[in-house]
Amino acid sequence: MRRSHSDIQPIDIGDLKMFQHYYTELYEELMYFLSSYIEDAALREDLIQDVWMKLWENQTRFQGELALKTYVYHAVRNAAISHLRKNTPTLTTPESDAQAYNIASEEHDMLAQMIKSEVYSLLNDTFNQLPPSCKNTYIERLQGKSLKEIAETMGITTNTVKKHINNANHFLREKLSKGIFFLFSITPITIFLVFI
């Protein structure tokens, strides 16, 4: 179903509640997205905060969530690249040439990185919705522990461990199939907007 321009709700970052909502919603995605450029988590956080502060100071308005996300992803990526350029030695070495090449090639992969970040955020949010017993059991299993080891550690039977894992799988499959479908249903629109 196509949306008309009148269906897209404007987003006013000058509104404190809207600002807080989108800052919180996109924070984890942006941290993950920037991790492909910058390893230091504190620096990534500073770059993200700088971008959001500029948006707040300029009382920026966007024509819909997609426009906001596209702008913010571009802005944090550009902030990371600017930081790397300022802090990279001017002598050219094979490592700096490789880094410059990586930055240039990653510009083409920005959409893929955005999607990866959104999928990561969706996975993380969905996993955190699991009931604590299922979540803890699943974490133990992901760490490679056997059903028997998990049962002993948690003081439950192996059948209960199996039930928790089965319930977690069912919950994740159900929630993620809806979220992934929605995410990929908007991808053609995102591709169109990014390359215009």
C-alpha atoms as a PDB file:
ATOM      1  CA  MET A   1       0.000   0.000   0.000  1.00  0.00           C
ATOM      2  CA  ARG A   2       1.405   3.380  -1.012  1.00  0.00           C
ATOM      3  CA  ARG A   3       1.346   6.290   1.363  1.00  0.00           C
ATOM      4  CA  SER A   4       0.485   9.732   0.103  1.00  0.00           C
ATOM      5  CA  HIS A   5       2.391  12.789   1.256  1.00  0.00           C
ATOM      6  CA  SER A   6      -0.582  13.742   3.438  1.00  0.00           C
ATOM      7  CA  ASP A   7      -0.254  10.416   5.352  1.00  0.00           C
ATOM      8  CA  ILE A   8       3.300  11.208   6.490  1.00  0.00           C
ATOM      9  CA  GLN A   9       3.323  12.876   9.885  1.00  0.00           C
ATOM     10  CA  PRO A  10       5.863  15.688  10.324  1.00  0.00           C
ATOM     11  CA  ILE A  11       8.394  15.218  13.103  1.00  0.00           C
ATOM     12  CA  ASP A  12       9.394  18.309  15.064  1.00  0.00           C
ATOM     13  CA  ILE A  13      12.651  17.665  16.908  1.00  0.00           C
ATOM     14  CA  GLY A  14      12.083  20.968  18.730  1.00  0.00           C
ATOM     15  CA  ASP A  15       9.329  19.226  20.697  1.00  0.00           C
ATOM     16  CA  LEU A  16      11.003  17.802  23.820  1.00  0.00           C
ATOM     17  CA  LYS A  17       8.882  14.633  24.000  1.00  0.00           C
ATOM     18  CA  MET A  18       9.420  13.882  20.317  1.00  0.00           C
ATOM     19  CA  PHE A  19      13.143  14.579  20.661  1.00  0.00           C
ATOM     20  CA  GLN A  20      13.458  12.234  23.641  1.00  0.00           C
ATOM     21  CA  HIS A  21      11.392   9.536  21.914  1.00  0.00           C
ATOM     22  CA  TYR A  22      13.508   9.440  18.753  1.00  0.00           C
ATOM     23  CA  TYR A  23      16.808   9.890  20.572  1.00  0.00           C
ATOM     24  CA  THR A  24      15.994   6.886  22.765  1.00  0.00           C
ATOM     25  CA  GLU A  25      14.559   4.833  19.895  1.00  0.00           C
ATOM     26  CA  LEU A  26      17.559   5.344  17.594  1.00  0.00           C
ATOM     27  CA  TYR A  27      20.386   5.442  20.148  1.00  0.00           C
ATOM     28  CA  GLU A  28      21.219   1.731  20.198  1.00  0.00           C
ATOM     29  CA  GLU A  29      20.915   1.409  16.406  1.00  0.00           C
ATOM     30  CA  LEU A  30      23.270   4.357  15.904  1.00  0.00           C
ATOM     31  CA  MET A  31      25.803   3.000  18.422  1.00  0.00           C
ATOM     32  CA  TYR A  32      25.861  -0.292  16.538  1.00  0.00           C
ATOM     33  CA  PHE A  33      25.997   1.487  13.167  1.00  0.00           C
ATOM     34  CA  LEU A  34      28.996   3.611  14.208  1.00  0.00           C
ATOM     35  CA  SER A  35      30.850   0.583  15.570  1.00  0.00           C
ATOM     36  CA  SER A  36      31.893  -0.226  12.000  1.00  0.00           C
ATOM     37  CA  TYR A  37      33.701   3.130  11.884  1.00  0.00           C
ATOM     38  CA  ILE A  38      34.837   3.753  15.469  1.00  0.00           C
ATOM     39  CA  GLU A  39      35.692   1.204  18.140  1.00  0.00           C
ATOM     40  CA  ASP A  40      35.593   3.556  21.159  1.00  0.00           C
ATOM     41  CA  ALA A  41      32.052   3.453  22.584  1.00  0.00           C
ATOM     42  CA  ALA A  42      32.476   6.762  24.441  1.00  0.00           C
ATOM     43  CA  LEU A  43      33.525   8.508  21.225  1.00  0.00           C
ATOM     44  CA  ARG A  44      30.568   7.004  19.335  1.00  0.00           C
ATOM     45  CA  GLU A  45      28.264   8.271  22.073  1.00  0.00           C
ATOM     46  CA  ASP A  46      29.798  11.776  21.845  1.00  0.00           C
ATOM     47  CA  LEU A  47      29.345  11.883  18.065  1.00  0.00           C
ATOM     48  CA  ILE A  48      25.713  10.785  18.351  1.00  0.00           C
ATOM     49  CA  GLN A  49      25.023  13.363  21.052  1.00  0.00           C
ATOM     50  CA  ASP A  50      26.638  16.107  18.958  1.00  0.00           C
ATOM     51  CA  VAL A  51      24.364  15.308  16.014  1.00  0.00           C
ATOM     52  CA  TRP A  52      21.260  15.295  18.212  1.00  0.00           C
ATOM     53  CA  MET A  53      22.304  18.559  19.899  1.00  0.00           C
ATOM     54  CA  LYS A  54      22.593  20.241  16.491  1.00  0.00           C
ATOM     55  CA  LEU A  55      19.129  18.962  15.605  1.00  0.00           C
ATOM     56  CA  TRP A  56      17.771  20.306  18.899  1.00  0.00           C
ATOM     57  CA  GLU A  57      19.495  23.694  18.561  1.00  0.00           C
ATOM     58  CA  ASN A  58      18.209  24.133  15.002  1.00  0.00           C
ATOM     59  CA  GLN A  59      14.664  23.016  15.953  1.00  0.00           C
ATOM     60  CA  THR A  60      14.774  20.739  12.910  1.00  0.00           C
ATOM     61  CA  ARG A  61      11.566  19.381  11.334  1.00  0.00           C
ATOM     62  CA  PHE A  62      11.325  16.277   9.164  1.00  0.00           C
ATOM     63  CA  GLN A  63       8.623  14.989   6.857  1.00  0.00           C
ATOM     64  CA  GLY A  64       8.228  11.597   8.485  1.00  0.00           C
ATOM     65  CA  GLU A  65      10.276   9.064  10.385  1.00  0.00           C
ATOM     66  CA  LEU A  66      12.091   7.814   7.302  1.00  0.00           C
ATOM     67  CA  ALA A  67      13.418  11.296   6.532  1.00  0.00           C
ATOM     68  CA  LEU A  68      14.590  11.681  10.138  1.00  0.00           C
ATOM     69  CA  LYS A  69      16.350   8.300  10.166  1.00  0.00           C
ATOM     70  CA  THR A  70      18.023   8.917   6.818  1.00  0.00           C
ATOM     71  CA  TYR A  71      19.270  12.314   7.968  1.00  0.00           C
ATOM     72  CA  VAL A  72      20.526  11.093  11.359  1.00  0.00           C
ATOM     73  CA  TYR A  73      22.345   8.079   9.888  1.00  0.00           C
ATOM     74  CA  HIS A  74      24.052  10.297   7.305  1.00  0.00           C
ATOM     75  CA  ALA A  75      24.931  12.896   9.936  1.00  0.00           C
ATOM     76  CA  VAL A  76      26.509  10.432  12.395  1.00  0.00           C
ATOM     77  CA  ARG A  77      28.389   8.696   9.586  1.00  0.00           C
ATOM     78  CA  ASN A  78      29.721  12.033   8.347  1.00  0.00           C
ATOM     79  CA  ALA A  79      30.693  12.997  11.907  1.00  0.00           C
ATOM     80  CA  ALA A  80      32.611   9.708  12.256  1.00  0.00           C
ATOM     81  CA  ILE A  81      34.386  10.184   8.921  1.00  0.00           C
ATOM     82  CA  SER A  82      35.286  13.777   9.820  1.00  0.00           C
ATOM     83  CA  HIS A  83      36.668  12.617  13.150  1.00  0.00           C
ATOM     84  CA  LEU A  84      38.727   9.900  11.473  1.00  0.00           C
ATOM     85  CA  ARG A  85      40.105  12.335   8.897  1.00  0.00           C
ATOM     86  CA  LYS A  86      41.099  14.866  11.574  1.00  0.00           C
ATOM     87  CA  ASN A  87      42.746  12.247  13.750  1.00  0.00           C
ATOM     88  CA  THR A  88      44.447  10.157  11.073  1.00  0.00           C
ATOM     89  CA  PRO A  89      48.160  10.838  10.558  1.00  0.00           C
ATOM     90  CA  THR A  90      48.926  12.806   7.378  1.00  0.00           C
ATOM     91  CA  LEU A  91      51.681  10.401   6.365  1.00  0.00           C
ATOM     92  CA  THR A  92      50.275   7.821   4.024  1.00  0.00           C
ATOM     93  CA  THR A  93      50.921   4.305   5.129  1.00  0.00           C
ATOM     94  CA  PRO A  94      49.432   1.090   3.832  1.00  0.00           C
ATOM     95  CA  GLU A  95      47.137   1.109   6.888  1.00  0.00           C
ATOM     96  CA  SER A  96      45.898   4.678   6.310  1.00  0.00           C
ATOM     97  CA  ASP A  97      45.408   3.989   2.597  1.00  0.00           C
ATOM     98  CA  ALA A  98      43.422   0.898   3.506  1.00  0.00           C
ATOM     99  CA  GLN A  99      41.389   2.906   6.023  1.00  0.00           C
ATOM    100  CA  ALA A 100      40.651   5.603   3.419  1.00  0.00           C
ATOM    101  CA  TYR A 101      39.611   2.902   0.961  1.00  0.00           C
ATOM    102  CA  ASN A 102      37.378   1.309   3.610  1.00  0.00           C
ATOM    103  CA  ILE A 103      35.691   4.639   4.357  1.00  0.00           C
ATOM    104  CA  ALA A 104      35.020   5.223   0.662  1.00  0.00           C
ATOM    105  CA  SER A 105      33.728   1.706   0.071  1.00  0.00           C
ATOM    106  CA  GLU A 106      31.564   1.787   3.193  1.00  0.00           C
ATOM    107  CA  GLU A 107      29.766   4.857   1.867  1.00  0.00           C
ATOM    108  CA  HIS A 108      28.256   2.529  -0.717  1.00  0.00           C
ATOM    109  CA  ASP A 109      27.272   0.089   1.987  1.00  0.00           C
ATOM    110  CA  MET A 110      25.541   2.644   4.216  1.00  0.00           C
ATOM    111  CA  LEU A 111      22.074   1.333   3.450  1.00  0.00           C
ATOM    112  CA  ALA A 112      23.178  -2.192   4.317  1.00  0.00           C
ATOM    113  CA  GLN A 113      24.646  -0.876   7.575  1.00  0.00           C
ATOM    114  CA  MET A 114      21.409   0.956   8.375  1.00  0.00           C
ATOM    115  CA  ILE A 115      19.414  -2.210   7.823  1.00  0.00           C
ATOM    116  CA  LYS A 116      21.887  -4.233   9.906  1.00  0.00           C
ATOM    117  CA  SER A 117      21.548  -1.713  12.718  1.00  0.00           C
ATOM    118  CA  GLU A 118      17.778  -1.865  12.599  1.00  0.00           C
ATOM    119  CA  VAL A 119      17.795  -5.666  12.555  1.00  0.00           C
ATOM    120  CA  TYR A 120      20.242  -5.711  15.490  1.00  0.00           C
ATOM    121  CA  SER A 121      18.002  -3.340  17.417  1.00  0.00           C
ATOM    122  CA  LEU A 122      14.925  -5.412  16.585  1.00  0.00           C
ATOM    123  CA  LEU A 123      16.653  -8.621  17.707  1.00  0.00           C
ATOM    124  CA  ASN A 124      17.871  -7.035  20.915  1.00  0.00           C
ATOM    125  CA  ASP A 125      14.484  -5.494  21.765  1.00  0.00           C
ATOM    126  CA  THR A 126      12.659  -8.740  21.004  1.00  0.00           C
ATOM    127  CA  PHE A 127      15.126 -10.826  23.008  1.00  0.00           C
ATOM    128  CA  ASN A 128      14.705  -8.490  25.986  1.00  0.00           C
ATOM    129  CA  GLN A 129      10.923  -9.091  25.877  1.00  0.00           C
ATOM    130  CA  LEU A 130      11.388 -12.778  26.697  1.00  0.00           C
ATOM    131  CA  PRO A 131      10.270 -13.863  30.158  1.00  0.00           C
ATOM    132  CA  PRO A 132      13.310 -13.985  32.490  1.00  0.00           C
ATOM    133  CA  SER A 133      13.290 -17.797  32.814  1.00  0.00           C
ATOM    134  CA  CYS A 134      13.257 -18.300  29.022  1.00  0.00           C
ATOM    135  CA  LYS A 135      15.811 -15.540  28.468  1.00  0.00           C
ATOM    136  CA  ASN A 136      18.277 -16.904  31.043  1.00  0.00           C
ATOM    137  CA  THR A 137      17.902 -20.440  29.719  1.00  0.00           C
ATOM    138  CA  TYR A 138      18.420 -19.236  26.148  1.00  0.00           C
ATOM    139  CA  ILE A 139      21.538 -17.273  27.110  1.00  0.00           C
ATOM    140  CA  GLU A 140      23.001 -20.362  28.781  1.00  0.00           C
ATOM    141  CA  ARG A 141      22.275 -22.414  25.656  1.00  0.00           C
ATOM    142  CA  LEU A 142      23.833 -19.762  23.381  1.00  0.00           C
ATOM    143  CA  GLN A 143      26.951 -20.000  25.520  1.00  0.00           C
ATOM    144  CA  GLY A 144      27.219 -23.640  24.474  1.00  0.00           C
ATOM    145  CA  LYS A 145      26.079 -25.318  27.674  1.00  0.00           C
ATOM    146  CA  SER A 146      24.330 -28.659  27.454  1.00  0.00           C
ATOM    147  CA  LEU A 147      20.734 -29.134  28.566  1.00  0.00           C
ATOM    148  CA  LYS A 148      21.960 -31.063  31.590  1.00  0.00           C
ATOM    149  CA  GLU A 149      24.426 -28.299  32.596  1.00  0.00           C
ATOM    150  CA  ILE A 150      21.719 -25.657  32.272  1.00  0.00           C
ATOM    151  CA  ALA A 151      19.299 -27.733  34.329  1.00  0.00           C
ATOM    152  CA  GLU A 152      21.869 -28.186  37.097  1.00  0.00           C
ATOM    153  CA  THR A 153      22.865 -24.509  37.106  1.00  0.00           C
ATOM    154  CA  MET A 154      19.266 -23.283  37.235  1.00  0.00           C
ATOM    155  CA  GLY A 155      17.953 -26.025  39.510  1.00  0.00           C
ATOM    156  CA  ILE A 156      15.312 -27.235  37.047  1.00  0.00           C
ATOM    157  CA  THR A 157      14.735 -30.418  35.024  1.00  0.00           C
ATOM    158  CA  THR A 158      16.069 -30.912  31.503  1.00  0.00           C
ATOM    159  CA  ASN A 159      12.462 -31.076  30.274  1.00  0.00           C
ATOM    160  CA  THR A 160      11.860 -27.610  31.743  1.00  0.00           C
ATOM    161  CA  VAL A 161      15.014 -26.382  30.003  1.00  0.00           C
ATOM    162  CA  LYS A 162      13.705 -27.787  26.718  1.00  0.00           C
ATOM    163  CA  LYS A 163      10.333 -26.128  27.339  1.00  0.00           C
ATOM    164  CA  HIS A 164      11.961 -22.732  28.038  1.00  0.00           C
ATOM    165  CA  ILE A 165      14.070 -22.957  24.885  1.00  0.00           C
ATOM    166  CA  ASN A 166      11.082 -24.069  22.803  1.00  0.00           C
ATOM    167  CA  ASN A 167       8.941 -21.225  24.205  1.00  0.00           C
ATOM    168  CA  ALA A 168      11.729 -18.729  23.516  1.00  0.00           C
ATOM    169  CA  ASN A 169      12.147 -19.992  19.941  1.00  0.00           C
ATOM    170  CA  HIS A 170       8.407 -19.763  19.322  1.00  0.00           C
ATOM    171  CA  PHE A 171       8.216 -16.248  20.807  1.00  0.00           C
ATOM    172  CA  LEU A 172      11.254 -14.996  18.857  1.00  0.00           C
ATOM    173  CA  ARG A 173      10.060 -16.548  15.600  1.00  0.00           C
ATOM    174  CA  GLU A 174       6.607 -14.994  15.951  1.00  0.00           C
ATOM    175  CA  LYS A 175       7.805 -11.514  16.960  1.00  0.00           C
ATOM    176  CA  LEU A 176      10.724 -11.354  14.550  1.00  0.00           C
ATOM    177  CA  SER A 177       8.757 -12.536  11.531  1.00  0.00           C
ATOM    178  CA  LYS A 178       6.441  -9.536  11.957  1.00  0.00           C
ATOM    179  CA  GLY A 179       9.276  -7.097  12.586  1.00  0.00           C
ATOM    180  CA  ILE A 180      11.543  -8.335   9.802  1.00  0.00           C
ATOM    181  CA  PHE A 181       8.638  -8.288   7.336  1.00  0.00           C
ATOM    182  CA  PHE A 182       7.887  -4.670   8.261  1.00  0.00           C
ATOM    183  CA  LEU A 183      11.545  -3.709   8.049  1.00  0.00           C
ATOM    184  CA  PHE A 184      12.035  -5.193   4.607  1.00  0.00           C
ATOM    185  CA  SER A 185       8.685  -3.926   3.346  1.00  0.00           C
ATOM    186  CA  ILE A 186      10.009  -0.352   3.699  1.00  0.00           C
ATOM    187  CA  THR A 187      13.453  -1.096   2.269  1.00  0.00           C
ATOM    188  CA  PRO A 188      12.609  -0.131  -1.347  1.00  0.00           C
ATOM    189  CA  ILE A 189      11.384   3.236  -0.083  1.00  0.00           C
ATOM    190  CA  THR A 190      14.592   3.674   1.903  1.00  0.00           C
ATOM    191  CA  ILE A 191      16.728   2.787  -1.120  1.00  0.00           C
ATOM    192  CA  PHE A 192      14.796   5.278  -3.226  1.00  0.00           C
ATOM    193  CA  LEU A 193      15.223   8.112  -0.696  1.00  0.00           C
ATOM    194  CA  VAL A 194      18.891   7.428   0.010  1.00  0.00           C
ATOM    195  CA  PHE A 195      19.875   7.550  -3.650  1.00  0.00           C
ATOM    196  CA  ILE A 196      17.824  10.584  -4.708  1.00  0.00           C
END
